[in-house]
Each structure stands twice: as structure tokens, then as C-alpha cells.
Amino acid sequence: MVYAIDQSTGAPKPIQHADTQKIHPRTFHIDPSGRLLVAQHNLPVNVKDGDTVKTIPAGLSVFRMGDDGKLTLVRKYDIDVGDKTMFWTGMVPL
């Protein structure tokens, strides 16, 4: 869910539902330029797909942030965490 802040009341107002194309987003980070947002999905999840079960892997979803605050999915990255949990993610300057 993407929110805008009402300038007169300070209340958040939903403006968009952004599909991360993964399950169980845990953390997110906005880069210092304010143009990219990365959502982290901490563990693989098994989901029913018709008569079978498929695994949606842990990973990262990268979004471009528009001037209006809305998100556009750029790319998703699958990350093999094995039997572990990717607890947290963030960005560091290089």
C-alpha cells in the first residue's frame, strides 16, 4: 500500500496498491536520492497453484518512485535463503 500525507491533517491517505510479486514483505528501504524503493521478502512461501504447490522464493522487489509518490515495479530478484530467513535488508553507499 502506498500512502500520501494529507498536508492539512497529517493523516495518511492510500493512493496505490503496489504488487511486489512476492509474498511476506518484511522491510523496505528508500535510496538517498528518493527515486528507488527496495522491498525485502524474508522467506520462501509455498502456495497452491491449481492441483500443485509451488514455492515463491525470498527476494527483493525494486520500484521506481514517481514524483507523485506512486511506485512502478522495475525488477524482482529471487534470493535462495535455503532453510534460513533473510531478516533485514538496507542500502549502504559505495
PDB file of N, CA and C in Angstrom:
ATOM      1  N   MET A   1       0.848  -1.157   0.000  1.00  0.00           N
ATOM      2  CA  MET A   1       0.000   0.000   0.000  1.00  0.00           C
ATOM      3  C   MET A   1       0.900   1.229   0.000  1.00  0.00           C
ATOM      4  N   VAL A   2       0.577   2.191  -0.838  1.00  0.00           N
ATOM      5  CA  VAL A   2       1.320   3.446  -0.918  1.00  0.00           C
ATOM      6  C   VAL A   2       0.405   4.540  -0.373  1.00  0.00           C
ATOM      7  N   TYR A   3       0.969   5.409   0.450  1.00  0.00           N
ATOM      8  CA  TYR A   3       0.188   6.469   1.080  1.00  0.00           C
ATOM      9  C   TYR A   3       0.735   7.839   0.712  1.00  0.00           C
ATOM     10  N   ALA A   4      -0.159   8.824   0.701  1.00  0.00           N
ATOM     11  CA  ALA A   4       0.212  10.234   0.648  1.00  0.00           C
ATOM     12  C   ALA A   4      -0.185  10.813   2.005  1.00  0.00           C
ATOM     13  N   ILE A   5       0.475  11.873   2.422  1.00  0.00           N
ATOM     14  CA  ILE A   5       0.152  12.523   3.685  1.00  0.00           C
ATOM     15  C   ILE A   5      -0.696  13.757   3.406  1.00  0.00           C
ATOM     16  N   ASP A   6      -1.865  13.812   4.014  1.00  0.00           N
ATOM     17  CA  ASP A   6      -2.748  14.977   3.885  1.00  0.00           C
ATOM     18  C   ASP A   6      -2.053  16.156   4.560  1.00  0.00           C
ATOM     19  N   GLN A   7      -1.759  17.192   3.799  1.00  0.00           N
ATOM     20  CA  GLN A   7      -0.980  18.321   4.312  1.00  0.00           C
ATOM     21  C   GLN A   7      -1.723  19.117   5.385  1.00  0.00           C
ATOM     22  N   SER A   8      -3.045  19.076   5.400  1.00  0.00           N
ATOM     23  CA  SER A   8      -3.781  19.847   6.408  1.00  0.00           C
ATOM     24  C   SER A   8      -3.982  19.081   7.704  1.00  0.00           C
ATOM     25  N   THR A   9      -4.125  17.751   7.623  1.00  0.00           N
ATOM     26  CA  THR A   9      -4.390  16.969   8.840  1.00  0.00           C
ATOM     27  C   THR A   9      -3.210  16.102   9.276  1.00  0.00           C
ATOM     28  N   GLY A  10      -2.282  15.818   8.354  1.00  0.00           N
ATOM     29  CA  GLY A  10      -1.169  14.920   8.657  1.00  0.00           C
ATOM     30  C   GLY A  10      -1.542  13.455   8.587  1.00  0.00           C
ATOM     31  N   ALA A  11      -2.785  13.173   8.204  1.00  0.00           N
ATOM     32  CA  ALA A  11      -3.260  11.786   8.133  1.00  0.00           C
ATOM     33  C   ALA A  11      -2.796  11.118   6.839  1.00  0.00           C
ATOM     34  N   PRO A  12      -2.414   9.837   6.918  1.00  0.00           N
ATOM     35  CA  PRO A  12      -2.062   9.113   5.690  1.00  0.00           C
ATOM     36  C   PRO A  12      -3.319   8.793   4.880  1.00  0.00           C
ATOM     37  N   LYS A  13      -3.172   8.858   3.551  1.00  0.00           N
ATOM     38  CA  LYS A  13      -4.283   8.557   2.643  1.00  0.00           C
ATOM     39  C   LYS A  13      -3.777   7.562   1.598  1.00  0.00           C
ATOM     40  N   PRO A  14      -4.416   6.382   1.466  1.00  0.00           N
ATOM     41  CA  PRO A  14      -3.959   5.408   0.465  1.00  0.00           C
ATOM     42  C   PRO A  14      -4.116   5.955  -0.952  1.00  0.00           C
ATOM     43  N   ILE A  15      -3.043   5.806  -1.757  1.00  0.00           N
ATOM     44  CA  ILE A  15      -3.102   6.272  -3.145  1.00  0.00           C
ATOM     45  C   ILE A  15      -2.804   5.162  -4.149  1.00  0.00           C
ATOM     46  N   GLN A  16      -2.278   4.004  -3.686  1.00  0.00           N
ATOM     47  CA  GLN A  16      -1.923   2.937  -4.617  1.00  0.00           C
ATOM     48  C   GLN A  16      -1.729   1.618  -3.879  1.00  0.00           C
ATOM     49  N   HIS A  17      -2.101   0.546  -4.526  1.00  0.00           N
ATOM     50  CA  HIS A  17      -1.744  -0.801  -4.080  1.00  0.00           C
ATOM     51  C   HIS A  17      -0.647  -1.265  -5.029  1.00  0.00           C
ATOM     52  N   ALA A  18       0.552  -1.515  -4.530  1.00  0.00           N
ATOM     53  CA  ALA A  18       1.689  -1.916  -5.357  1.00  0.00           C
ATOM     54  C   ALA A  18       1.962  -3.402  -5.145  1.00  0.00           C
ATOM     55  N   ASP A  19       1.861  -4.193  -6.203  1.00  0.00           N
ATOM     56  CA  ASP A  19       2.119  -5.629  -6.138  1.00  0.00           C
ATOM     57  C   ASP A  19       3.623  -5.869  -6.172  1.00  0.00           C
ATOM     58  N   THR A  20       4.142  -6.522  -5.127  1.00  0.00           N
ATOM     59  CA  THR A  20       5.576  -6.806  -5.061  1.00  0.00           C
ATOM     60  C   THR A  20       5.948  -8.076  -5.832  1.00  0.00           C
ATOM     61  N   GLN A  21       4.950  -8.836  -6.268  1.00  0.00           N
ATOM     62  CA  GLN A  21       5.128 -10.101  -6.982  1.00  0.00           C
ATOM     63  C   GLN A  21       5.869 -11.140  -6.152  1.00  0.00           C
ATOM     64  N   LYS A  22       5.800 -10.975  -4.862  1.00  0.00           N
ATOM     65  CA  LYS A  22       6.354 -11.938  -3.907  1.00  0.00           C
ATOM     66  C   LYS A  22       5.418 -11.973  -2.710  1.00  0.00           C
ATOM     67  N   ILE A  23       5.789 -12.736  -1.681  1.00  0.00           N
ATOM     68  CA  ILE A  23       4.941 -12.878  -0.504  1.00  0.00           C
ATOM     69  C   ILE A  23       5.753 -12.541   0.739  1.00  0.00           C
ATOM     70  N   HIS A  24       5.097 -11.984   1.720  1.00  0.00           N
ATOM     71  CA  HIS A  24       5.667 -11.695   3.030  1.00  0.00           C
ATOM     72  C   HIS A  24       6.752 -10.618   2.990  1.00  0.00           C
ATOM     73  N   PRO A  25       6.425  -9.403   2.489  1.00  0.00           N
ATOM     74  CA  PRO A  25       7.414  -8.326   2.581  1.00  0.00           C
ATOM     75  C   PRO A  25       7.644  -7.969   4.050  1.00  0.00           C
ATOM     76  N   ARG A  26       8.902  -7.826   4.421  1.00  0.00           N
ATOM     77  CA  ARG A  26       9.226  -7.558   5.826  1.00  0.00           C
ATOM     78  C   ARG A  26       9.767  -6.150   6.028  1.00  0.00           C
ATOM     79  N   THR A  27      10.720  -5.742   5.220  1.00  0.00           N
ATOM     80  CA  THR A  27      11.298  -4.410   5.357  1.00  0.00           C
ATOM     81  C   THR A  27      11.357  -3.747   3.991  1.00  0.00           C
ATOM     82  N   PHE A  28      11.566  -2.447   3.996  1.00  0.00           N
ATOM     83  CA  PHE A  28      11.818  -1.732   2.748  1.00  0.00           C
ATOM     84  C   PHE A  28      12.811  -0.620   3.036  1.00  0.00           C
ATOM     85  N   HIS A  29      13.433  -0.135   1.985  1.00  0.00           N
ATOM     86  CA  HIS A  29      14.403   0.940   2.113  1.00  0.00           C
ATOM     87  C   HIS A  29      14.269   1.850   0.899  1.00  0.00           C
ATOM     88  N   ILE A  30      14.382   3.150   1.127  1.00  0.00           N
ATOM     89  CA  ILE A  30      14.362   4.144   0.046  1.00  0.00           C
ATOM     90  C   ILE A  30      15.782   4.656  -0.115  1.00  0.00           C
ATOM     91  N   ASP A  31      16.268   4.679  -1.356  1.00  0.00           N
ATOM     92  CA  ASP A  31      17.648   5.138  -1.573  1.00  0.00           C
ATOM     93  C   ASP A  31      17.750   6.634  -1.273  1.00  0.00           C
ATOM     94  N   PRO A  32      18.968   7.139  -1.010  1.00  0.00           N
ATOM     95  CA  PRO A  32      19.142   8.544  -0.621  1.00  0.00           C
ATOM     96  C   PRO A  32      18.594   9.553  -1.635  1.00  0.00           C
ATOM     97  N   SER A  33      18.531   9.191  -2.915  1.00  0.00           N
ATOM     98  CA  SER A  33      18.005  10.124  -3.917  1.00  0.00           C
ATOM     99  C   SER A  33      16.485  10.223  -3.853  1.00  0.00           C
ATOM    100  N   GLY A  34      15.833   9.273  -3.179  1.00  0.00           N
ATOM    101  CA  GLY A  34      14.374   9.256  -3.111  1.00  0.00           C
ATOM    102  C   GLY A  34      13.717   8.763  -4.379  1.00  0.00           C
ATOM    103  N   ARG A  35      14.490   8.101  -5.249  1.00  0.00           N
ATOM    104  CA  ARG A  35      13.942   7.635  -6.527  1.00  0.00           C
ATOM    105  C   ARG A  35      13.686   6.140  -6.586  1.00  0.00           C
ATOM    106  N   LEU A  36      14.292   5.363  -5.688  1.00  0.00           N
ATOM    107  CA  LEU A  36      14.121   3.906  -5.694  1.00  0.00           C
ATOM    108  C   LEU A  36      13.696   3.417  -4.317  1.00  0.00           C
ATOM    109  N   LEU A  37      12.841   2.407  -4.315  1.00  0.00           N
ATOM    110  CA  LEU A  37      12.442   1.726  -3.095  1.00  0.00           C
ATOM    111  C   LEU A  37      12.675   0.241  -3.318  1.00  0.00           C
ATOM    112  N   VAL A  38      13.296  -0.411  -2.333  1.00  0.00           N
ATOM    113  CA  VAL A  38      13.525  -1.851  -2.398  1.00  0.00           C
ATOM    114  C   VAL A  38      12.760  -2.500  -1.255  1.00  0.00           C
ATOM    115  N   ALA A  39      11.866  -3.436  -1.591  1.00  0.00           N
ATOM    116  CA  ALA A  39      11.115  -4.205  -0.596  1.00  0.00           C
ATOM    117  C   ALA A  39      11.779  -5.570  -0.457  1.00  0.00           C
ATOM    118  N   GLN A  40      11.952  -6.020   0.775  1.00  0.00           N
ATOM    119  CA  GLN A  40      12.605  -7.292   1.073  1.00  0.00           C
ATOM    120  C   GLN A  40      11.557  -8.300   1.522  1.00  0.00           C
ATOM    121  N   HIS A  41      11.622  -9.496   0.965  1.00  0.00           N
ATOM    122  CA  HIS A  41      10.713 -10.592   1.306  1.00  0.00           C
ATOM    123  C   HIS A  41      11.558 -11.666   1.961  1.00  0.00           C
ATOM    124  N   ASN A  42      11.308 -11.921   3.249  1.00  0.00           N
ATOM    125  CA  ASN A  42      12.301 -12.606   4.055  1.00  0.00           C
ATOM    126  C   ASN A  42      12.342 -14.120   3.958  1.00  0.00           C
ATOM    127  N   LEU A  43      11.317 -14.772   3.413  1.00  0.00           N
ATOM    128  CA  LEU A  43      11.386 -16.229   3.375  1.00  0.00           C
ATOM    129  C   LEU A  43      10.585 -16.777   2.201  1.00  0.00           C
ATOM    130  N   PRO A  44      10.941 -17.988   1.760  1.00  0.00           N
ATOM    131  CA  PRO A  44      10.161 -18.617   0.697  1.00  0.00           C
ATOM    132  C   PRO A  44       8.815 -19.073   1.260  1.00  0.00           C
ATOM    133  N   VAL A  45       7.781 -19.027   0.420  1.00  0.00           N
ATOM    134  CA  VAL A  45       6.438 -19.409   0.840  1.00  0.00           C
ATOM    135  C   VAL A  45       5.861 -20.383  -0.183  1.00  0.00           C
ATOM    136  N   ASN A  46       5.317 -21.491   0.299  1.00  0.00           N
ATOM    137  CA  ASN A  46       4.647 -22.451  -0.578  1.00  0.00           C
ATOM    138  C   ASN A  46       3.200 -22.017  -0.771  1.00  0.00           C
ATOM    139  N   VAL A  47       2.758 -21.985  -2.037  1.00  0.00           N
ATOM    140  CA  VAL A  47       1.386 -21.598  -2.355  1.00  0.00           C
ATOM    141  C   VAL A  47       0.771 -22.628  -3.289  1.00  0.00           C
ATOM    142  N   LYS A  48      -0.528 -22.796  -3.162  1.00  0.00           N
ATOM    143  CA  LYS A  48      -1.236 -23.727  -4.025  1.00  0.00           C
ATOM    144  C   LYS A  48      -1.436 -23.065  -5.381  1.00  0.00           C
ATOM    145  N   ASP A  49      -1.142 -23.808  -6.436  1.00  0.00           N
ATOM    146  CA  ASP A  49      -1.299 -23.340  -7.812  1.00  0.00           C
ATOM    147  C   ASP A  49      -2.061 -24.428  -8.568  1.00  0.00           C
ATOM    148  N   GLY A  50      -3.392 -24.340  -8.567  1.00  0.00           N
ATOM    149  CA  GLY A  50      -4.192 -25.410  -9.145  1.00  0.00           C
ATOM    150  C   GLY A  50      -4.099 -26.640  -8.280  1.00  0.00           C
ATOM    151  N   ASP A  51      -3.655 -27.751  -8.879  1.00  0.00           N
ATOM    152  CA  ASP A  51      -3.518 -29.008  -8.136  1.00  0.00           C
ATOM    153  C   ASP A  51      -2.120 -29.218  -7.584  1.00  0.00           C
ATOM    154  N   THR A  52      -1.234 -28.255  -7.792  1.00  0.00           N
ATOM    155  CA  THR A  52       0.146 -28.402  -7.328  1.00  0.00           C
ATOM    156  C   THR A  52       0.468 -27.306  -6.305  1.00  0.00           C
ATOM    157  N   VAL A  53       1.623 -27.449  -5.699  1.00  0.00           N
ATOM    158  CA  VAL A  53       2.139 -26.444  -4.779  1.00  0.00           C
ATOM    159  C   VAL A  53       3.436 -25.923  -5.358  1.00  0.00           C
ATOM    160  N   LYS A  54       3.570 -24.600  -5.426  1.00  0.00           N
ATOM    161  CA  LYS A  54       4.828 -24.021  -5.905  1.00  0.00           C
ATOM    162  C   LYS A  54       5.406 -23.138  -4.818  1.00  0.00           C
ATOM    163  N   THR A  55       6.703 -22.931  -4.875  1.00  0.00           N
ATOM    164  CA  THR A  55       7.396 -22.110  -3.894  1.00  0.00           C
ATOM    165  C   THR A  55       7.694 -20.747  -4.491  1.00  0.00           C
ATOM    166  N   ILE A  56       7.247 -19.702  -3.799  1.00  0.00           N
ATOM    167  CA  ILE A  56       7.612 -18.331  -4.165  1.00  0.00           C
ATOM    168  C   ILE A  56       8.845 -18.008  -3.321  1.00  0.00           C
ATOM    169  N   PRO A  57      10.013 -17.796  -3.962  1.00  0.00           N
ATOM    170  CA  PRO A  57      11.243 -17.622  -3.187  1.00  0.00           C
ATOM    171  C   PRO A  57      11.321 -16.277  -2.463  1.00  0.00           C
ATOM    172  N   ALA A  58      12.171 -16.225  -1.460  1.00  0.00           N
ATOM    173  CA  ALA A  58      12.507 -14.951  -0.814  1.00  0.00           C
ATOM    174  C   ALA A  58      13.143 -14.053  -1.871  1.00  0.00           C
ATOM    175  N   GLY A  59      13.203 -12.769  -1.613  1.00  0.00           N
ATOM    176  CA  GLY A  59      13.838 -11.915  -2.601  1.00  0.00           C
ATOM    177  C   GLY A  59      13.668 -10.432  -2.346  1.00  0.00           C
ATOM    178  N   LEU A  60      14.006  -9.674  -3.371  1.00  0.00           N
ATOM    179  CA  LEU A  60      13.916  -8.213  -3.344  1.00  0.00           C
ATOM    180  C   LEU A  60      13.071  -7.753  -4.526  1.00  0.00           C
ATOM    181  N   SER A  61      12.228  -6.749  -4.295  1.00  0.00           N
ATOM    182  CA  SER A  61      11.460  -6.112  -5.358  1.00  0.00           C
ATOM    183  C   SER A  61      11.907  -4.660  -5.430  1.00  0.00           C
ATOM    184  N   VAL A  62      12.327  -4.214  -6.613  1.00  0.00           N
ATOM    185  CA  VAL A  62      12.842  -2.857  -6.800  1.00  0.00           C
ATOM    186  C   VAL A  62      11.787  -2.032  -7.529  1.00  0.00           C
ATOM    187  N   PHE A  63      11.485  -0.856  -6.968  1.00  0.00           N
ATOM    188  CA  PHE A  63      10.489   0.042  -7.547  1.00  0.00           C
ATOM    189  C   PHE A  63      11.107   1.397  -7.842  1.00  0.00           C
ATOM    190  N   ARG A  64      10.645   2.019  -8.914  1.00  0.00           N
ATOM    191  CA  ARG A  64      10.960   3.418  -9.200  1.00  0.00           C
ATOM    192  C   ARG A  64       9.867   4.237  -8.513  1.00  0.00           C
ATOM    193  N   MET A  65      10.255   5.323  -7.841  1.00  0.00           N
ATOM    194  CA  MET A  65       9.295   6.194  -7.158  1.00  0.00           C
ATOM    195  C   MET A  65       9.026   7.412  -8.029  1.00  0.00           C
ATOM    196  N   GLY A  66       7.755   7.627  -8.370  1.00  0.00           N
ATOM    197  CA  GLY A  66       7.376   8.775  -9.180  1.00  0.00           C
ATOM    198  C   GLY A  66       7.315  10.050  -8.352  1.00  0.00           C
ATOM    199  N   ASP A  67       7.233  11.178  -9.039  1.00  0.00           N
ATOM    200  CA  ASP A  67       7.127  12.464  -8.349  1.00  0.00           C
ATOM    201  C   ASP A  67       5.866  12.532  -7.483  1.00  0.00           C
ATOM    202  N   ASP A  68       4.847  11.749  -7.856  1.00  0.00           N
ATOM    203  CA  ASP A  68       3.599  11.714  -7.086  1.00  0.00           C
ATOM    204  C   ASP A  68       3.654  10.697  -5.951  1.00  0.00           C
ATOM    205  N   GLY A  69       4.801  10.012  -5.789  1.00  0.00           N
ATOM    206  CA  GLY A  69       4.965   9.023  -4.734  1.00  0.00           C
ATOM    207  C   GLY A  69       4.546   7.620  -5.127  1.00  0.00           C
ATOM    208  N   LYS A  70       3.938   7.465  -6.290  1.00  0.00           N
ATOM    209  CA  LYS A  70       3.490   6.139  -6.716  1.00  0.00           C
ATOM    210  C   LYS A  70       4.684   5.313  -7.191  1.00  0.00           C
ATOM    211  N   LEU A  71       4.537   3.984  -7.076  1.00  0.00           N
ATOM    212  CA  LEU A  71       5.617   3.054  -7.380  1.00  0.00           C
ATOM    213  C   LEU A  71       5.378   2.328  -8.697  1.00  0.00           C
ATOM    214  N   THR A  72       6.467   2.088  -9.413  1.00  0.00           N
ATOM    215  CA  THR A  72       6.458   1.274 -10.624  1.00  0.00           C
ATOM    216  C   THR A  72       7.495   0.174 -10.438  1.00  0.00           C
ATOM    217  N   LEU A  73       7.060  -1.087 -10.536  1.00  0.00           N
ATOM    218  CA  LEU A  73       7.990  -2.205 -10.383  1.00  0.00           C
ATOM    219  C   LEU A  73       9.019  -2.179 -11.502  1.00  0.00           C
ATOM    220  N   VAL A  74      10.295  -2.240 -11.130  1.00  0.00           N
ATOM    221  CA  VAL A  74      11.392  -2.270 -12.096  1.00  0.00           C
ATOM    222  C   VAL A  74      11.858  -3.702 -12.301  1.00  0.00           C
ATOM    223  N   ARG A  75      12.072  -4.409 -11.194  1.00  0.00           N
ATOM    224  CA  ARG A  75      12.591  -5.770 -11.279  1.00  0.00           C
ATOM    225  C   ARG A  75      12.458  -6.459  -9.932  1.00  0.00           C
ATOM    226  N   LYS A  76      12.331  -7.773  -9.966  1.00  0.00           N
ATOM    227  CA  LYS A  76      12.367  -8.549  -8.733  1.00  0.00           C
ATOM    228  C   LYS A  76      13.536  -9.513  -8.810  1.00  0.00           C
ATOM    229  N   TYR A  77      14.145  -9.755  -7.670  1.00  0.00           N
ATOM    230  CA  TYR A  77      15.292 -10.654  -7.574  1.00  0.00           C
ATOM    231  C   TYR A  77      14.934 -11.790  -6.620  1.00  0.00           C
ATOM    232  N   ASP A  78      15.055 -13.026  -7.092  1.00  0.00           N
ATOM    233  CA  ASP A  78      14.888 -14.182  -6.230  1.00  0.00           C
ATOM    234  C   ASP A  78      16.184 -14.398  -5.462  1.00  0.00           C
ATOM    235  N   ILE A  79      16.065 -14.716  -4.171  1.00  0.00           N
ATOM    236  CA  ILE A  79      17.236 -14.972  -3.344  1.00  0.00           C
ATOM    237  C   ILE A  79      17.039 -16.305  -2.635  1.00  0.00           C
ATOM    238  N   ASP A  80      17.987 -17.206  -2.845  1.00  0.00           N
ATOM    239  CA  ASP A  80      17.932 -18.518  -2.209  1.00  0.00           C
ATOM    240  C   ASP A  80      18.454 -18.387  -0.788  1.00  0.00           C
ATOM    241  N   VAL A  81      17.554 -18.484   0.179  1.00  0.00           N
ATOM    242  CA  VAL A  81      17.953 -18.386   1.585  1.00  0.00           C
ATOM    243  C   VAL A  81      18.044 -19.757   2.239  1.00  0.00           C
ATOM    244  N   GLY A  82      17.827 -20.816   1.436  1.00  0.00           N
ATOM    245  CA  GLY A  82      17.883 -22.165   1.990  1.00  0.00           C
ATOM    246  C   GLY A  82      16.830 -22.333   3.066  1.00  0.00           C
ATOM    247  N   ASP A  83      17.230 -22.862   4.207  1.00  0.00           N
ATOM    248  CA  ASP A  83      16.281 -23.030   5.309  1.00  0.00           C
ATOM    249  C   ASP A  83      16.383 -21.879   6.313  1.00  0.00           C
ATOM    250  N   LYS A  84      16.983 -20.771   5.893  1.00  0.00           N
ATOM    251  CA  LYS A  84      17.168 -19.590   6.755  1.00  0.00           C
ATOM    252  C   LYS A  84      16.118 -18.527   6.419  1.00  0.00           C
ATOM    253  N   THR A  85      16.151 -17.444   7.173  1.00  0.00           N
ATOM    254  CA  THR A  85      15.294 -16.290   6.936  1.00  0.00           C
ATOM    255  C   THR A  85      16.169 -15.078   6.675  1.00  0.00           C
ATOM    256  N   MET A  86      15.861 -14.333   5.612  1.00  0.00           N
ATOM    257  CA  MET A  86      16.560 -13.073   5.349  1.00  0.00           C
ATOM    258  C   MET A  86      15.894 -12.041   6.261  1.00  0.00           C
ATOM    259  N   PHE A  87      16.510 -11.756   7.398  1.00  0.00           N
ATOM    260  CA  PHE A  87      15.863 -10.997   8.459  1.00  0.00           C
ATOM    261  C   PHE A  87      15.675  -9.523   8.122  1.00  0.00           C
ATOM    262  N   TRP A  88      16.666  -8.891   7.482  1.00  0.00           N
ATOM    263  CA  TRP A  88      16.622  -7.444   7.259  1.00  0.00           C
ATOM    264  C   TRP A  88      17.433  -7.116   6.022  1.00  0.00           C
ATOM    265  N   THR A  89      17.097  -6.021   5.377  1.00  0.00           N
ATOM    266  CA  THR A  89      17.904  -5.522   4.268  1.00  0.00           C
ATOM    267  C   THR A  89      17.938  -4.014   4.320  1.00  0.00           C
ATOM    268  N   GLY A  90      18.963  -3.424   3.739  1.00  0.00           N
ATOM    269  CA  GLY A  90      19.100  -1.982   3.690  1.00  0.00           C
ATOM    270  C   GLY A  90      20.063  -1.605   2.585  1.00  0.00           C
ATOM    271  N   MET A  91      20.332  -0.322   2.414  1.00  0.00           N
ATOM    272  CA  MET A  91      21.269   0.153   1.390  1.00  0.00           C
ATOM    273  C   MET A  91      22.406   0.882   2.073  1.00  0.00           C
ATOM    274  N   VAL A  92      23.580   0.722   1.511  1.00  0.00           N
ATOM    275  CA  VAL A  92      24.744   1.434   2.025  1.00  0.00           C
ATOM    276  C   VAL A  92      25.433   2.124   0.845  1.00  0.00           C
ATOM    277  N   PRO A  93      25.969   3.309   1.060  1.00  0.00           N
ATOM    278  CA  PRO A  93      26.690   3.978  -0.045  1.00  0.00           C
ATOM    279  C   PRO A  93      27.981   3.246  -0.370  1.00  0.00           C
ATOM    280  N   LEU A  94      28.318   3.202  -1.645  1.00  0.00           N
ATOM    281  CA  LEU A  94      29.576   2.569  -2.075  1.00  0.00           C
ATOM    282  C   LEU A  94      30.603   3.607  -2.409  1.00  0.00           C
TER     283      LEU A  94
END
